[in-house]
Amino acid sequence: MSDIKRIESGTRMSQAVIHGNTVYLAGQVGTPGASVTVQTQDILAKIERLLAEVGSDKSKILQATIWMASMDDFAEMNAVWDTWVSPGNAPTRAAGESKLATPEYKVEIICVAAI
């Protein structure tokens, strides 16, 4: 069994957990109350930072799960995602609508990546 390494760990959660050659990221959110575009940009920057910290990058994302407060904002989020995703390395992905932690959050993205 591989060792488990926790990154930015607190009493409730860790921002990333490494097991073997896989990293699991916690759900990332952007600036509360900002537009869907800005929140998505913030989230993707956080994902890039966490992946870099563990020796990975966006080309190694295996799966992304995207939660949105309203699917009415799907096209706006996708406009940011589509320019960010690594060309030729699109991960599996699911998106759905859900109430998020606070009404100020419009997007939350969870990723699993190879290291």
N, C-alpha and C. Protein backbone atom coordinates (compact mmCIF):
# COMPACT_ATOMS: atom_id res chain seq x y z
N MET A 1 0.84 -1.18 0.00
CA MET A 1 0.00 0.00 0.00
C MET A 1 0.89 1.24 0.00
N SER A 2 0.53 2.19 -0.80
CA SER A 2 1.30 3.43 -0.89
C SER A 2 1.03 4.33 0.31
N ASP A 3 1.99 5.16 0.61
CA ASP A 3 1.79 6.16 1.64
C ASP A 3 0.79 7.20 1.15
N ILE A 4 0.14 7.83 2.09
CA ILE A 4 -0.80 8.90 1.79
C ILE A 4 -0.20 10.20 2.28
N LYS A 5 -0.18 11.22 1.42
CA LYS A 5 0.35 12.53 1.78
C LYS A 5 -0.76 13.56 1.63
N ARG A 6 -0.94 14.37 2.65
CA ARG A 6 -1.99 15.39 2.65
C ARG A 6 -1.36 16.78 2.51
N ILE A 7 -1.94 17.60 1.64
CA ILE A 7 -1.44 18.94 1.35
C ILE A 7 -2.43 19.96 1.90
N GLU A 8 -1.91 20.99 2.58
CA GLU A 8 -2.75 22.05 3.15
C GLU A 8 -3.91 21.43 3.93
N SER A 9 -3.53 20.61 4.89
CA SER A 9 -4.51 19.86 5.66
C SER A 9 -4.97 20.63 6.88
N GLY A 10 -6.25 20.59 7.14
CA GLY A 10 -6.84 21.21 8.32
C GLY A 10 -7.63 20.18 9.10
N THR A 11 -8.41 20.63 10.05
CA THR A 11 -9.20 19.69 10.85
C THR A 11 -10.37 19.10 10.06
N ARG A 12 -10.87 19.82 9.08
CA ARG A 12 -12.02 19.36 8.31
C ARG A 12 -11.65 18.69 7.00
N MET A 13 -10.62 19.21 6.34
CA MET A 13 -10.29 18.72 5.01
C MET A 13 -8.87 19.09 4.61
N SER A 14 -8.41 18.44 3.57
CA SER A 14 -7.12 18.77 2.94
C SER A 14 -7.43 19.33 1.56
N GLN A 15 -6.57 20.21 1.08
CA GLN A 15 -6.76 20.75 -0.27
C GLN A 15 -6.37 19.73 -1.34
N ALA A 16 -5.46 18.82 -0.99
CA ALA A 16 -5.05 17.76 -1.92
C ALA A 16 -4.59 16.56 -1.10
N VAL A 17 -4.83 15.38 -1.65
CA VAL A 17 -4.34 14.15 -1.04
C VAL A 17 -3.68 13.33 -2.15
N ILE A 18 -2.45 12.89 -1.87
CA ILE A 18 -1.71 12.06 -2.82
C ILE A 18 -1.72 10.63 -2.32
N HIS A 19 -2.07 9.73 -3.22
CA HIS A 19 -2.00 8.29 -2.95
C HIS A 19 -1.41 7.64 -4.19
N GLY A 20 -0.27 7.01 -4.05
CA GLY A 20 0.39 6.45 -5.22
C GLY A 20 0.79 7.57 -6.16
N ASN A 21 0.45 7.41 -7.42
CA ASN A 21 0.76 8.42 -8.43
C ASN A 21 -0.47 9.23 -8.82
N THR A 22 -1.41 9.36 -7.87
CA THR A 22 -2.64 10.08 -8.13
C THR A 22 -2.84 11.15 -7.06
N VAL A 23 -3.31 12.32 -7.49
CA VAL A 23 -3.64 13.39 -6.55
C VAL A 23 -5.12 13.71 -6.69
N TYR A 24 -5.75 13.83 -5.54
CA TYR A 24 -7.18 14.14 -5.45
C TYR A 24 -7.29 15.55 -4.87
N LEU A 25 -7.88 16.46 -5.62
CA LEU A 25 -8.03 17.83 -5.13
C LEU A 25 -9.40 18.03 -4.51
N ALA A 26 -9.44 18.81 -3.45
CA ALA A 26 -10.71 19.22 -2.86
C ALA A 26 -11.43 20.13 -3.85
N GLY A 27 -12.71 20.31 -3.63
CA GLY A 27 -13.46 21.25 -4.46
C GLY A 27 -12.88 22.64 -4.29
N GLN A 28 -12.59 23.29 -5.40
CA GLN A 28 -12.01 24.63 -5.40
C GLN A 28 -13.09 25.64 -5.78
N VAL A 29 -13.10 26.77 -5.08
CA VAL A 29 -14.05 27.84 -5.36
C VAL A 29 -13.29 29.14 -5.60
N GLY A 30 -13.97 30.08 -6.22
CA GLY A 30 -13.35 31.36 -6.52
C GLY A 30 -13.78 32.45 -5.57
N THR A 31 -13.59 33.68 -5.98
CA THR A 31 -13.94 34.85 -5.17
C THR A 31 -15.45 34.92 -4.99
N PRO A 32 -15.93 34.86 -3.74
CA PRO A 32 -17.38 34.90 -3.51
C PRO A 32 -18.00 36.16 -4.09
N GLY A 33 -19.13 36.00 -4.78
CA GLY A 33 -19.85 37.13 -5.34
C GLY A 33 -19.35 37.61 -6.68
N ALA A 34 -18.19 37.14 -7.12
CA ALA A 34 -17.66 37.53 -8.43
C ALA A 34 -18.47 36.84 -9.54
N SER A 35 -18.25 37.27 -10.75
CA SER A 35 -18.95 36.66 -11.89
C SER A 35 -18.53 35.20 -12.07
N VAL A 36 -19.30 34.46 -12.83
CA VAL A 36 -18.95 33.08 -13.14
C VAL A 36 -17.59 33.03 -13.84
N THR A 37 -17.34 33.97 -14.73
CA THR A 37 -16.06 34.02 -15.43
C THR A 37 -14.90 34.17 -14.44
N VAL A 38 -14.99 35.15 -13.56
CA VAL A 38 -13.92 35.39 -12.60
C VAL A 38 -13.77 34.22 -11.63
N GLN A 39 -14.89 33.69 -11.14
CA GLN A 39 -14.79 32.55 -10.23
C GLN A 39 -14.13 31.36 -10.92
N THR A 40 -14.49 31.10 -12.15
CA THR A 40 -13.88 29.98 -12.88
C THR A 40 -12.39 30.22 -13.09
N GLN A 41 -12.01 31.43 -13.45
CA GLN A 41 -10.58 31.76 -13.61
C GLN A 41 -9.83 31.56 -12.29
N ASP A 42 -10.42 32.03 -11.18
CA ASP A 42 -9.80 31.86 -9.87
C ASP A 42 -9.61 30.37 -9.54
N ILE A 43 -10.64 29.59 -9.78
CA ILE A 43 -10.61 28.16 -9.48
C ILE A 43 -9.52 27.47 -10.29
N LEU A 44 -9.46 27.75 -11.57
CA LEU A 44 -8.48 27.09 -12.43
C LEU A 44 -7.05 27.48 -12.04
N ALA A 45 -6.86 28.72 -11.58
CA ALA A 45 -5.54 29.13 -11.09
C ALA A 45 -5.18 28.36 -9.82
N LYS A 46 -6.14 28.15 -8.93
CA LYS A 46 -5.90 27.37 -7.72
C LYS A 46 -5.55 25.92 -8.07
N ILE A 47 -6.27 25.36 -9.03
CA ILE A 47 -6.00 23.98 -9.46
C ILE A 47 -4.58 23.89 -10.01
N GLU A 48 -4.19 24.83 -10.86
CA GLU A 48 -2.83 24.83 -11.41
C GLU A 48 -1.78 24.92 -10.30
N ARG A 49 -2.02 25.78 -9.31
CA ARG A 49 -1.07 25.94 -8.20
C ARG A 49 -0.94 24.65 -7.41
N LEU A 50 -2.06 24.02 -7.07
CA LEU A 50 -2.00 22.78 -6.30
C LEU A 50 -1.33 21.66 -7.09
N LEU A 51 -1.65 21.57 -8.37
CA LEU A 51 -1.02 20.53 -9.20
C LEU A 51 0.49 20.75 -9.28
N ALA A 52 0.91 21.99 -9.45
CA ALA A 52 2.35 22.29 -9.52
C ALA A 52 3.03 21.93 -8.21
N GLU A 53 2.36 22.18 -7.10
CA GLU A 53 2.94 21.90 -5.79
C GLU A 53 3.24 20.41 -5.60
N VAL A 54 2.45 19.55 -6.26
CA VAL A 54 2.66 18.10 -6.10
C VAL A 54 3.39 17.49 -7.29
N GLY A 55 3.88 18.32 -8.21
CA GLY A 55 4.64 17.81 -9.35
C GLY A 55 3.79 17.36 -10.52
N SER A 56 2.61 17.94 -10.66
CA SER A 56 1.72 17.60 -11.77
C SER A 56 1.37 18.88 -12.52
N ASP A 57 0.49 18.77 -13.49
CA ASP A 57 0.00 19.95 -14.22
C ASP A 57 -1.33 19.60 -14.88
N LYS A 58 -1.95 20.60 -15.49
CA LYS A 58 -3.30 20.41 -16.04
C LYS A 58 -3.36 19.39 -17.16
N SER A 59 -2.25 19.09 -17.81
CA SER A 59 -2.26 18.08 -18.86
C SER A 59 -2.44 16.67 -18.29
N LYS A 60 -2.30 16.54 -16.97
CA LYS A 60 -2.40 15.23 -16.33
C LYS A 60 -3.71 15.05 -15.56
N ILE A 61 -4.65 16.00 -15.72
CA ILE A 61 -5.94 15.85 -15.06
C ILE A 61 -6.68 14.68 -15.69
N LEU A 62 -7.12 13.77 -14.86
CA LEU A 62 -7.84 12.58 -15.32
C LEU A 62 -9.35 12.81 -15.34
N GLN A 63 -9.83 13.52 -14.32
CA GLN A 63 -11.27 13.70 -14.17
C GLN A 63 -11.55 15.04 -13.51
N ALA A 64 -12.60 15.70 -13.97
CA ALA A 64 -13.06 16.94 -13.35
C ALA A 64 -14.56 16.84 -13.12
N THR A 65 -14.98 17.27 -11.94
CA THR A 65 -16.40 17.36 -11.62
C THR A 65 -16.69 18.82 -11.33
N ILE A 66 -17.66 19.37 -12.03
CA ILE A 66 -17.97 20.79 -11.91
C ILE A 66 -19.40 20.93 -11.36
N TRP A 67 -19.49 21.65 -10.26
CA TRP A 67 -20.79 21.97 -9.68
C TRP A 67 -21.07 23.44 -9.93
N MET A 68 -22.29 23.72 -10.35
CA MET A 68 -22.69 25.10 -10.62
C MET A 68 -23.97 25.41 -9.87
N ALA A 69 -24.06 26.62 -9.35
CA ALA A 69 -25.29 27.03 -8.66
C ALA A 69 -26.46 27.08 -9.63
N SER A 70 -26.17 27.39 -10.89
CA SER A 70 -27.21 27.43 -11.92
C SER A 70 -26.62 26.99 -13.26
N MET A 71 -27.27 26.03 -13.88
CA MET A 71 -26.81 25.59 -15.20
C MET A 71 -27.05 26.67 -16.27
N ASP A 72 -27.75 27.74 -15.91
CA ASP A 72 -27.90 28.87 -16.81
C ASP A 72 -26.54 29.50 -17.11
N ASP A 73 -25.55 29.28 -16.24
CA ASP A 73 -24.21 29.84 -16.39
C ASP A 73 -23.23 28.87 -17.06
N PHE A 74 -23.73 27.76 -17.56
CA PHE A 74 -22.89 26.71 -18.13
C PHE A 74 -22.02 27.22 -19.28
N ALA A 75 -22.59 27.98 -20.19
CA ALA A 75 -21.83 28.49 -21.35
C ALA A 75 -20.73 29.46 -20.89
N GLU A 76 -21.02 30.29 -19.90
CA GLU A 76 -20.02 31.25 -19.40
C GLU A 76 -18.84 30.51 -18.76
N MET A 77 -19.14 29.49 -17.96
CA MET A 77 -18.07 28.69 -17.35
C MET A 77 -17.27 27.98 -18.43
N ASN A 78 -17.96 27.37 -19.39
CA ASN A 78 -17.29 26.64 -20.46
C ASN A 78 -16.38 27.53 -21.30
N ALA A 79 -16.75 28.79 -21.47
CA ALA A 79 -15.90 29.71 -22.25
C ALA A 79 -14.53 29.85 -21.59
N VAL A 80 -14.48 29.84 -20.27
CA VAL A 80 -13.20 29.91 -19.55
C VAL A 80 -12.52 28.55 -19.59
N TRP A 81 -13.25 27.52 -19.26
CA TRP A 81 -12.70 26.15 -19.24
C TRP A 81 -12.07 25.80 -20.58
N ASP A 82 -12.78 26.05 -21.67
CA ASP A 82 -12.33 25.63 -23.00
C ASP A 82 -11.01 26.28 -23.40
N THR A 83 -10.75 27.50 -22.95
CA THR A 83 -9.48 28.15 -23.28
C THR A 83 -8.36 27.70 -22.35
N TRP A 84 -8.73 27.13 -21.21
CA TRP A 84 -7.75 26.72 -20.20
C TRP A 84 -7.30 25.28 -20.36
N VAL A 85 -8.20 24.39 -20.68
CA VAL A 85 -7.89 22.95 -20.70
C VAL A 85 -6.72 22.68 -21.65
N SER A 86 -5.86 21.74 -21.26
CA SER A 86 -4.68 21.42 -22.05
C SER A 86 -5.08 20.80 -23.39
N PRO A 87 -4.67 21.41 -24.51
CA PRO A 87 -5.05 20.88 -25.83
C PRO A 87 -4.63 19.42 -26.00
N GLY A 88 -5.56 18.60 -26.42
CA GLY A 88 -5.29 17.18 -26.62
C GLY A 88 -5.29 16.36 -25.35
N ASN A 89 -5.55 17.01 -24.19
CA ASN A 89 -5.51 16.30 -22.91
C ASN A 89 -6.78 16.55 -22.09
N ALA A 90 -7.91 16.67 -22.76
CA ALA A 90 -9.15 16.92 -22.02
C ALA A 90 -9.47 15.74 -21.11
N PRO A 91 -9.76 16.03 -19.84
CA PRO A 91 -10.09 14.95 -18.91
C PRO A 91 -11.53 14.49 -19.09
N THR A 92 -11.88 13.38 -18.43
CA THR A 92 -13.30 13.07 -18.33
C THR A 92 -13.90 14.18 -17.48
N ARG A 93 -15.19 14.46 -17.70
CA ARG A 93 -15.76 15.61 -17.00
C ARG A 93 -17.25 15.42 -16.84
N ALA A 94 -17.76 15.88 -15.72
CA ALA A 94 -19.20 15.94 -15.48
C ALA A 94 -19.51 17.31 -14.90
N ALA A 95 -20.69 17.82 -15.18
CA ALA A 95 -21.12 19.10 -14.63
C ALA A 95 -22.57 18.96 -14.20
N GLY A 96 -22.88 19.57 -13.08
CA GLY A 96 -24.24 19.51 -12.59
C GLY A 96 -24.58 20.74 -11.78
N GLU A 97 -25.85 20.87 -11.48
CA GLU A 97 -26.35 22.00 -10.71
C GLU A 97 -26.57 21.56 -9.27
N SER A 98 -26.13 22.41 -8.34
CA SER A 98 -26.27 22.09 -6.93
C SER A 98 -26.17 23.36 -6.10
N LYS A 99 -26.81 23.38 -4.96
CA LYS A 99 -26.57 24.48 -4.03
C LYS A 99 -25.15 24.33 -3.54
N LEU A 100 -24.39 25.42 -3.56
CA LEU A 100 -23.01 25.39 -3.09
C LEU A 100 -22.96 25.91 -1.65
N ALA A 101 -21.79 25.96 -1.06
CA ALA A 101 -21.64 26.27 0.36
C ALA A 101 -22.31 27.58 0.77
N THR A 102 -22.22 28.59 -0.08
CA THR A 102 -22.91 29.86 0.16
C THR A 102 -23.46 30.35 -1.17
N PRO A 103 -24.49 31.20 -1.14
CA PRO A 103 -25.06 31.72 -2.39
C PRO A 103 -24.07 32.54 -3.23
N GLU A 104 -22.97 33.01 -2.60
CA GLU A 104 -21.98 33.81 -3.32
C GLU A 104 -21.10 32.97 -4.23
N TYR A 105 -21.08 31.65 -4.01
CA TYR A 105 -20.32 30.76 -4.88
C TYR A 105 -21.21 30.31 -6.03
N LYS A 106 -20.67 30.41 -7.24
CA LYS A 106 -21.42 30.04 -8.43
C LYS A 106 -20.86 28.80 -9.10
N VAL A 107 -19.58 28.49 -8.82
CA VAL A 107 -18.89 27.36 -9.45
C VAL A 107 -17.97 26.71 -8.42
N GLU A 108 -17.89 25.38 -8.48
CA GLU A 108 -16.92 24.63 -7.69
C GLU A 108 -16.40 23.50 -8.58
N ILE A 109 -15.08 23.31 -8.60
CA ILE A 109 -14.49 22.28 -9.46
C ILE A 109 -13.61 21.36 -8.61
N ILE A 110 -13.80 20.07 -8.83
CA ILE A 110 -13.06 19.02 -8.15
C ILE A 110 -12.27 18.26 -9.22
N CYS A 111 -10.99 18.00 -8.98
CA CYS A 111 -10.17 17.29 -9.97
C CYS A 111 -9.42 16.13 -9.35
N VAL A 112 -9.16 15.14 -10.19
CA VAL A 112 -8.25 14.03 -9.89
C VAL A 112 -7.22 14.03 -11.01
N ALA A 113 -5.93 13.93 -10.64
CA ALA A 113 -4.88 14.00 -11.65
C ALA A 113 -3.78 12.98 -11.37
N ALA A 114 -3.08 12.62 -12.42
CA ALA A 114 -1.88 11.78 -12.29
C ALA A 114 -0.70 12.67 -11.91
N ILE A 115 0.27 12.07 -11.27
CA ILE A 115 1.49 12.81 -10.93
C ILE A 115 2.61 12.30 -11.82
